[in-house]
C-alpha atoms as a PDB file:
ATOM      1  CA  MET A   1      30.396  47.532  20.480  1.00  0.00           C
ATOM      2  CA  LYS A   2      28.423  48.264  23.671  1.00  0.00           C
ATOM      3  CA  LYS A   3      25.334  48.992  21.594  1.00  0.00           C
ATOM      4  CA  ILE A   4      25.707  45.692  19.745  1.00  0.00           C
ATOM      5  CA  ILE A   5      26.131  43.780  23.012  1.00  0.00           C
ATOM      6  CA  SER A   6      23.149  45.562  24.541  1.00  0.00           C
ATOM      7  CA  ALA A   7      20.993  44.768  21.517  1.00  0.00           C
ATOM      8  CA  THR A   8      22.046  41.115  21.599  1.00  0.00           C
ATOM      9  CA  LEU A   9      21.353  40.867  25.318  1.00  0.00           C
ATOM     10  CA  LEU A  10      17.953  42.513  24.885  1.00  0.00           C
ATOM     11  CA  ALA A  11      17.051  40.069  22.118  1.00  0.00           C
ATOM     12  CA  ALA A  12      18.145  37.108  24.249  1.00  0.00           C
ATOM     13  CA  LEU A  13      16.124  38.327  27.228  1.00  0.00           C
ATOM     14  CA  SER A  14      13.106  38.896  24.993  1.00  0.00           C
ATOM     15  CA  LEU A  15      13.396  35.345  23.643  1.00  0.00           C
ATOM     16  CA  PHE A  16      13.668  33.966  27.177  1.00  0.00           C
ATOM     17  CA  SER A  17      10.601  35.953  28.219  1.00  0.00           C
ATOM     18  CA  VAL A  18       8.557  34.663  25.262  1.00  0.00           C
ATOM     19  CA  THR A  19       9.671  31.071  25.943  1.00  0.00           C
ATOM     20  CA  ALA A  20       8.751  31.402  29.618  1.00  0.00           C
ATOM     21  CA  VAL A  21       5.304  32.740  28.735  1.00  0.00           C
ATOM     22  CA  GLN A  22       4.813  29.911  26.231  1.00  0.00           C
ATOM     23  CA  ALA A  23       5.716  27.358  28.912  1.00  0.00           C
ATOM     24  CA  GLN A  24       3.362  28.967  31.441  1.00  0.00           C
ATOM     25  CA  ASP A  25       0.512  29.097  28.922  1.00  0.00           C
ATOM     26  CA  ALA A  26       1.115  25.476  27.887  1.00  0.00           C
ATOM     27  CA  LYS A  27       1.206  24.378  31.522  1.00  0.00           C
ATOM     28  CA  LYS A  28      -2.109  26.129  32.251  1.00  0.00           C
ATOM     29  CA  ILE A  29      -3.751  24.530  29.217  1.00  0.00           C
ATOM     30  CA  MET A  30      -2.501  21.067  30.152  1.00  0.00           C
ATOM     31  CA  GLN A  31      -3.592  21.571  33.762  1.00  0.00           C
ATOM     32  CA  ASP A  32      -7.083  22.292  32.435  1.00  0.00           C
ATOM     33  CA  VAL A  33      -6.909  19.091  30.370  1.00  0.00           C
ATOM     34  CA  SER A  34      -5.694  17.128  33.402  1.00  0.00           C
ATOM     35  CA  SER A  35      -8.487  18.551  35.556  1.00  0.00           C
ATOM     36  CA  LYS A  36     -11.121  17.640  32.978  1.00  0.00           C
ATOM     37  CA  TYR A  37     -10.018  14.038  32.468  1.00  0.00           C
ATOM     38  CA  GLY A  38      -9.027  13.535  36.088  1.00  0.00           C
ATOM     39  CA  LYS A  39     -12.683  13.775  37.070  1.00  0.00           C
ATOM     40  CA  LEU A  40     -13.684  10.970  34.705  1.00  0.00           C
ATOM     41  CA  LYS A  41     -13.935   7.351  35.833  1.00  0.00           C
ATOM     42  CA  SER A  42     -13.815   5.964  32.302  1.00  0.00           C
ATOM     43  CA  LEU A  43     -13.638   6.978  28.661  1.00  0.00           C
ATOM     44  CA  LYS A  44     -14.397   5.519  25.252  1.00  0.00           C
ATOM     45  CA  GLY A  45     -13.472   6.958  21.887  1.00  0.00           C
ATOM     46  CA  ASP A  46     -13.010   6.427  18.164  1.00  0.00           C
ATOM     47  CA  PHE A  47      -9.919   7.601  16.334  1.00  0.00           C
ATOM     48  CA  VAL A  48      -8.058   7.411  13.037  1.00  0.00           C
ATOM     49  CA  LEU A  49      -4.346   6.533  12.879  1.00  0.00           C
ATOM     50  CA  LYS A  50      -2.107   7.555   9.968  1.00  0.00           C
ATOM     51  CA  TYR A  51       1.562   6.698   9.468  1.00  0.00           C
ATOM     52  CA  THR A  52       3.777   8.811   7.213  1.00  0.00           C
ATOM     53  CA  THR A  53       7.329   7.748   6.340  1.00  0.00           C
ATOM     54  CA  ALA A  54      10.339  10.041   6.333  1.00  0.00           C
ATOM     55  CA  SER A  55      10.082  10.224   2.529  1.00  0.00           C
ATOM     56  CA  GLY A  56       6.578  11.667   2.852  1.00  0.00           C
ATOM     57  CA  LYS A  57       4.725   8.518   1.793  1.00  0.00           C
ATOM     58  CA  ALA A  58       1.474   8.183   3.741  1.00  0.00           C
ATOM     59  CA  ASN A  59       0.175   4.718   4.480  1.00  0.00           C
ATOM     60  CA  GLU A  60      -3.497   3.801   4.621  1.00  0.00           C
ATOM     61  CA  SER A  61      -5.401   5.426   7.480  1.00  0.00           C
ATOM     62  CA  VAL A  62      -6.554   2.911  10.082  1.00  0.00           C
ATOM     63  CA  LYS A  63      -9.659   3.336  12.233  1.00  0.00           C
ATOM     64  CA  GLY A  64      -9.556   2.264  15.848  1.00  0.00           C
ATOM     65  CA  ASN A  65     -11.275   2.594  19.177  1.00  0.00           C
ATOM     66  CA  LEU A  66     -10.188   3.043  22.757  1.00  0.00           C
ATOM     67  CA  ALA A  67     -11.562   2.051  26.157  1.00  0.00           C
ATOM     68  CA  LEU A  68      -9.893   3.655  29.180  1.00  0.00           C
ATOM     69  CA  LYS A  69     -10.441   3.212  32.915  1.00  0.00           C
ATOM     70  CA  GLY A  70      -7.786   4.682  35.174  1.00  0.00           C
ATOM     71  CA  SER A  71      -4.461   3.178  34.079  1.00  0.00           C
ATOM     72  CA  LYS A  72      -6.209   0.312  32.296  1.00  0.00           C
ATOM     73  CA  TYR A  73      -6.866   0.525  28.587  1.00  0.00           C
ATOM     74  CA  LYS A  74      -7.806  -1.416  25.487  1.00  0.00           C
ATOM     75  CA  VAL A  75      -6.893  -0.232  21.999  1.00  0.00           C
ATOM     76  CA  THR A  76      -8.466  -2.015  19.038  1.00  0.00           C
ATOM     77  CA  LEU A  77      -7.067  -1.525  15.533  1.00  0.00           C
ATOM     78  CA  LYS A  78      -7.474  -3.436  12.295  1.00  0.00           C
ATOM     79  CA  GLY A  79      -6.270  -6.953  13.118  1.00  0.00           C
ATOM     80  CA  GLN A  80      -4.710  -5.998  16.434  1.00  0.00           C
ATOM     81  CA  GLU A  81      -5.595  -5.443  20.078  1.00  0.00           C
ATOM     82  CA  ILE A  82      -3.452  -3.927  22.833  1.00  0.00           C
ATOM     83  CA  ILE A  83      -4.835  -4.520  26.327  1.00  0.00           C
ATOM     84  CA  THR A  84      -3.519  -3.809  29.811  1.00  0.00           C
ATOM     85  CA  ASP A  85      -4.812  -4.124  33.348  1.00  0.00           C
ATOM     86  CA  ALA A  86      -1.847  -1.971  34.494  1.00  0.00           C
ATOM     87  CA  LYS A  87       0.013  -5.142  35.552  1.00  0.00           C
ATOM     88  CA  SER A  88       0.389  -7.091  32.315  1.00  0.00           C
ATOM     89  CA  ILE A  89       0.035  -6.003  28.700  1.00  0.00           C
ATOM     90  CA  TRP A  90      -1.330  -8.220  25.928  1.00  0.00           C
ATOM     91  CA  THR A  91      -0.642  -7.592  22.234  1.00  0.00           C
ATOM     92  CA  TYR A  92      -2.880  -9.716  20.034  1.00  0.00           C
ATOM     93  CA  ASN A  93      -2.250 -10.302  16.314  1.00  0.00           C
ATOM     94  CA  LYS A  94      -5.484 -11.515  14.753  1.00  0.00           C
ATOM     95  CA  SER A  95      -4.078 -12.827  11.447  1.00  0.00           C
ATOM     96  CA  ALA A  96      -1.476 -14.966  13.260  1.00  0.00           C
ATOM     97  CA  ASN A  97      -3.859 -15.747  16.127  1.00  0.00           C
ATOM     98  CA  GLU A  98      -0.987 -14.975  18.471  1.00  0.00           C
ATOM     99  CA  VAL A  99      -0.833 -12.997  21.701  1.00  0.00           C
ATOM    100  CA  GLN A 100       2.304 -11.752  23.429  1.00  0.00           C
ATOM    101  CA  ILE A 101       2.176 -11.034  27.160  1.00  0.00           C
ATOM    102  CA  ASP A 102       4.654  -8.773  28.893  1.00  0.00           C
ATOM    103  CA  LYS A 103       4.962  -6.854  32.139  1.00  0.00           C
ATOM    104  CA  TYR A 104       3.322  -3.461  31.954  1.00  0.00           C
ATOM    105  CA  ASN A 105       5.672  -0.498  32.299  1.00  0.00           C
ATOM    106  CA  ALA A 106       3.880   2.840  32.558  1.00  0.00           C
ATOM    107  CA  ASN A 107       7.064   4.702  31.568  1.00  0.00           C
ATOM    108  CA  SER A 108       7.929   2.620  28.512  1.00  0.00           C
ATOM    109  CA  SER A 109       5.625   4.331  26.035  1.00  0.00           C
ATOM    110  CA  PHE A 110       3.249   7.216  25.416  1.00  0.00           C
ATOM    111  CA  SER A 111       0.168   5.290  26.540  1.00  0.00           C
ATOM    112  CA  PRO A 112      -3.473   6.384  26.119  1.00  0.00           C
ATOM    113  CA  ALA A 113      -3.759   6.729  29.903  1.00  0.00           C
ATOM    114  CA  LYS A 114      -0.784   9.072  29.889  1.00  0.00           C
ATOM    115  CA  LEU A 115      -2.087  10.905  26.838  1.00  0.00           C
ATOM    116  CA  PHE A 116      -5.342  11.883  28.519  1.00  0.00           C
ATOM    117  CA  SER A 117      -3.806  12.608  31.914  1.00  0.00           C
ATOM    118  CA  GLY A 118      -2.604  16.047  30.793  1.00  0.00           C
ATOM    119  CA  SER A 119       0.360  15.804  33.177  1.00  0.00           C
ATOM    120  CA  TYR A 120       3.768  15.376  31.567  1.00  0.00           C
ATOM    121  CA  ASP A 121       6.102  17.422  33.779  1.00  0.00           C
ATOM    122  CA  LYS A 122       8.359  14.542  34.800  1.00  0.00           C
ATOM    123  CA  GLU A 123       9.056  13.221  31.316  1.00  0.00           C
ATOM    124  CA  TYR A 124       8.554  16.148  28.928  1.00  0.00           C
ATOM    125  CA  ASN A 125       9.256  19.800  28.452  1.00  0.00           C
ATOM    126  CA  TYR A 126       6.364  21.535  26.755  1.00  0.00           C
ATOM    127  CA  LYS A 127       5.434  24.841  25.217  1.00  0.00           C
ATOM    128  CA  LEU A 128       2.558  26.489  23.420  1.00  0.00           C
ATOM    129  CA  ALA A 129       3.544  26.227  19.751  1.00  0.00           C
ATOM    130  CA  GLY A 130       0.574  28.184  18.389  1.00  0.00           C
ATOM    131  CA  GLU A 131      -3.078  27.875  17.492  1.00  0.00           C
ATOM    132  CA  THR A 132      -4.650  26.018  14.598  1.00  0.00           C
ATOM    133  CA  THR A 133      -7.851  24.395  13.378  1.00  0.00           C
ATOM    134  CA  TYR A 134      -7.572  20.643  13.838  1.00  0.00           C
ATOM    135  CA  ASN A 135     -10.270  18.285  12.584  1.00  0.00           C
ATOM    136  CA  GLY A 136     -12.580  21.298  12.281  1.00  0.00           C
ATOM    137  CA  LYS A 137     -11.995  22.488  15.858  1.00  0.00           C
ATOM    138  CA  PRO A 138     -10.102  25.666  16.912  1.00  0.00           C
ATOM    139  CA  SER A 139      -7.217  24.195  18.889  1.00  0.00           C
ATOM    140  CA  TYR A 140      -4.002  24.935  20.742  1.00  0.00           C
ATOM    141  CA  THR A 141      -0.835  23.176  19.586  1.00  0.00           C
ATOM    142  CA  ILE A 142       1.212  21.970  22.560  1.00  0.00           C
ATOM    143  CA  GLU A 143       4.722  20.780  21.708  1.00  0.00           C
ATOM    144  CA  LEU A 144       6.224  18.125  23.989  1.00  0.00           C
ATOM    145  CA  THR A 145       9.919  17.235  23.886  1.00  0.00           C
ATOM    146  CA  PRO A 146      11.185  14.249  25.926  1.00  0.00           C
ATOM    147  CA  LYS A 147      13.674  14.952  28.701  1.00  0.00           C
ATOM    148  CA  ALA A 148      15.323  11.559  28.236  1.00  0.00           C
ATOM    149  CA  ALA A 149      16.547   9.840  25.089  1.00  0.00           C
ATOM    150  CA  GLY A 150      13.937   7.805  23.260  1.00  0.00           C
ATOM    151  CA  GLY A 151      12.603   6.835  19.869  1.00  0.00           C
ATOM    152  CA  PHE A 152      10.940  10.141  19.057  1.00  0.00           C
ATOM    153  CA  SER A 153      12.031  13.778  18.958  1.00  0.00           C
ATOM    154  CA  LYS A 154       8.769  15.503  19.847  1.00  0.00           C
ATOM    155  CA  ILE A 155       4.999  15.185  20.114  1.00  0.00           C
ATOM    156  CA  ASN A 156       2.435  17.767  19.071  1.00  0.00           C
ATOM    157  CA  LEU A 157      -0.841  17.605  20.977  1.00  0.00           C
ATOM    158  CA  TYR A 158      -3.921  19.412  19.693  1.00  0.00           C
ATOM    159  CA  VAL A 159      -6.265  20.660  22.415  1.00  0.00           C
ATOM    160  CA  ASP A 160      -9.778  21.905  21.681  1.00  0.00           C
ATOM    161  CA  LYS A 161      -9.793  25.534  22.879  1.00  0.00           C
ATOM    162  CA  SER A 162     -13.362  25.548  24.141  1.00  0.00           C
ATOM    163  CA  ARG A 163     -13.708  22.017  25.575  1.00  0.00           C
ATOM    164  CA  LYS A 164     -10.090  21.658  26.815  1.00  0.00           C
ATOM    165  CA  SER A 165     -10.038  18.149  25.373  1.00  0.00           C
ATOM    166  CA  ILE A 166      -7.407  16.423  23.239  1.00  0.00           C
ATOM    167  CA  VAL A 167      -8.565  16.114  19.630  1.00  0.00           C
ATOM    168  CA  GLY A 168      -5.417  14.629  18.119  1.00  0.00           C
ATOM    169  CA  GLY A 169      -1.672  14.559  17.963  1.00  0.00           C
ATOM    170  CA  LYS A 170       1.462  13.827  15.977  1.00  0.00           C
ATOM    171  CA  VAL A 171       4.418  11.760  17.156  1.00  0.00           C
ATOM    172  CA  PHE A 172       7.647  12.651  15.335  1.00  0.00           C
ATOM    173  CA  GLU A 173      10.049   9.718  15.366  1.00  0.00           C
ATOM    174  CA  LYS A 174      13.799  10.320  15.165  1.00  0.00           C
ATOM    175  CA  THR A 175      13.817   8.303  11.947  1.00  0.00           C
ATOM    176  CA  GLY A 176      11.719  11.024  10.315  1.00  0.00           C
ATOM    177  CA  ASN A 177       8.504   9.002  10.357  1.00  0.00           C
ATOM    178  CA  VAL A 178       5.359  10.639  11.724  1.00  0.00           C
ATOM    179  CA  ILE A 179       2.435   8.905  13.458  1.00  0.00           C
ATOM    180  CA  GLU A 180      -0.735  11.003  13.521  1.00  0.00           C
ATOM    181  CA  TYR A 181      -3.922  10.207  15.396  1.00  0.00           C
ATOM    182  CA  THR A 182      -7.207  12.088  15.138  1.00  0.00           C
ATOM    183  CA  VAL A 183      -9.863  11.711  17.823  1.00  0.00           C
ATOM    184  CA  ASN A 184     -13.295  11.670  16.175  1.00  0.00           C
ATOM    185  CA  SER A 185     -15.531  11.005  19.181  1.00  0.00           C
ATOM    186  CA  LEU A 186     -15.339  10.583  22.947  1.00  0.00           C
ATOM    187  CA  VAL A 187     -17.877   9.216  25.435  1.00  0.00           C
ATOM    188  CA  GLU A 188     -17.312  10.241  29.047  1.00  0.00           C
ATOM    189  CA  ASN A 189     -17.933   7.864  31.973  1.00  0.00           C
ATOM    190  CA  PRO A 190     -19.342   4.861  30.071  1.00  0.00           C
ATOM    191  CA  ALA A 191     -19.859   1.630  32.010  1.00  0.00           C
ATOM    192  CA  ILE A 192     -16.874  -0.664  31.284  1.00  0.00           C
ATOM    193  CA  ALA A 193     -16.362  -4.009  33.036  1.00  0.00           C
ATOM    194  CA  ASP A 194     -12.856  -4.705  34.382  1.00  0.00           C
ATOM    195  CA  SER A 195     -12.865  -7.937  32.367  1.00  0.00           C
ATOM    196  CA  GLU A 196     -12.458  -5.798  29.234  1.00  0.00           C
ATOM    197  CA  PHE A 197      -8.887  -5.071  30.301  1.00  0.00           C
ATOM    198  CA  THR A 198      -7.591  -8.639  30.279  1.00  0.00           C
ATOM    199  CA  PHE A 199      -7.127 -10.977  27.321  1.00  0.00           C
ATOM    200  CA  ASP A 200      -9.455 -13.970  27.421  1.00  0.00           C
ATOM    201  CA  THR A 201      -7.915 -16.956  25.599  1.00  0.00           C
ATOM    202  CA  LYS A 202     -11.294 -18.753  25.689  1.00  0.00           C
ATOM    203  CA  ARG A 203     -12.642 -16.201  23.229  1.00  0.00           C
ATOM    204  CA  HIS A 204      -9.759 -17.003  20.826  1.00  0.00           C
ATOM    205  CA  PRO A 205      -9.669 -20.783  20.238  1.00  0.00           C
ATOM    206  CA  GLY A 206      -6.221 -22.082  19.265  1.00  0.00           C
ATOM    207  CA  VAL A 207      -4.437 -18.820  20.079  1.00  0.00           C
ATOM    208  CA  GLU A 208      -0.664 -19.116  20.516  1.00  0.00           C
ATOM    209  CA  VAL A 209       0.414 -17.528  23.806  1.00  0.00           C
ATOM    210  CA  ILE A 210       3.933 -16.098  24.101  1.00  0.00           C
ATOM    211  CA  ASP A 211       4.508 -15.132  27.725  1.00  0.00           C
ATOM    212  CA  LEU A 212       7.510 -12.803  28.122  1.00  0.00           C
ATOM    213  CA  ARG A 213       6.887 -11.863  31.739  1.00  0.00           C
END
């Protein structure tokens, strides 16, 4: 009996040790990511978004682009724009020519600004889940699990091993659906006017404005 207990305890301690190492390694990797992006004033990139249902059915991949400047960002997808100046957030539906305005809440979603910050200690537990080749690049897989209840169970981030940059990720919703994004290109420190991070109704004649602030 003592031998069995000792073996069980040893296994448990070994598992704890491995988990601790994984957490330390993941933290170091994400600190490197945070350091890299923290030095940038702005960022532009192109990405591909793919949505897979719980049944395994994959929808059409959608191309998009991102402009980021501090906490401000603009995401452009097919027929949709999401823009924030870190005070308000505009969601524009091109086919309906409708824009909804709401107060910006930095903690309400996994925003692009948060994605590239590399710092998730307050909201997520994370560990190094392994290494893989993602979009042709040798990468670390960092698994994030939210500390508070939300709409998703975990997020996998893929970090380029050599450049310490995020090359993609998967968001696993509690419904079983998976949202995957692949970063195809990034431009560091491009010149971006602040006006890019507000929605200009003059550029959208006849737009219906729904202000929820």
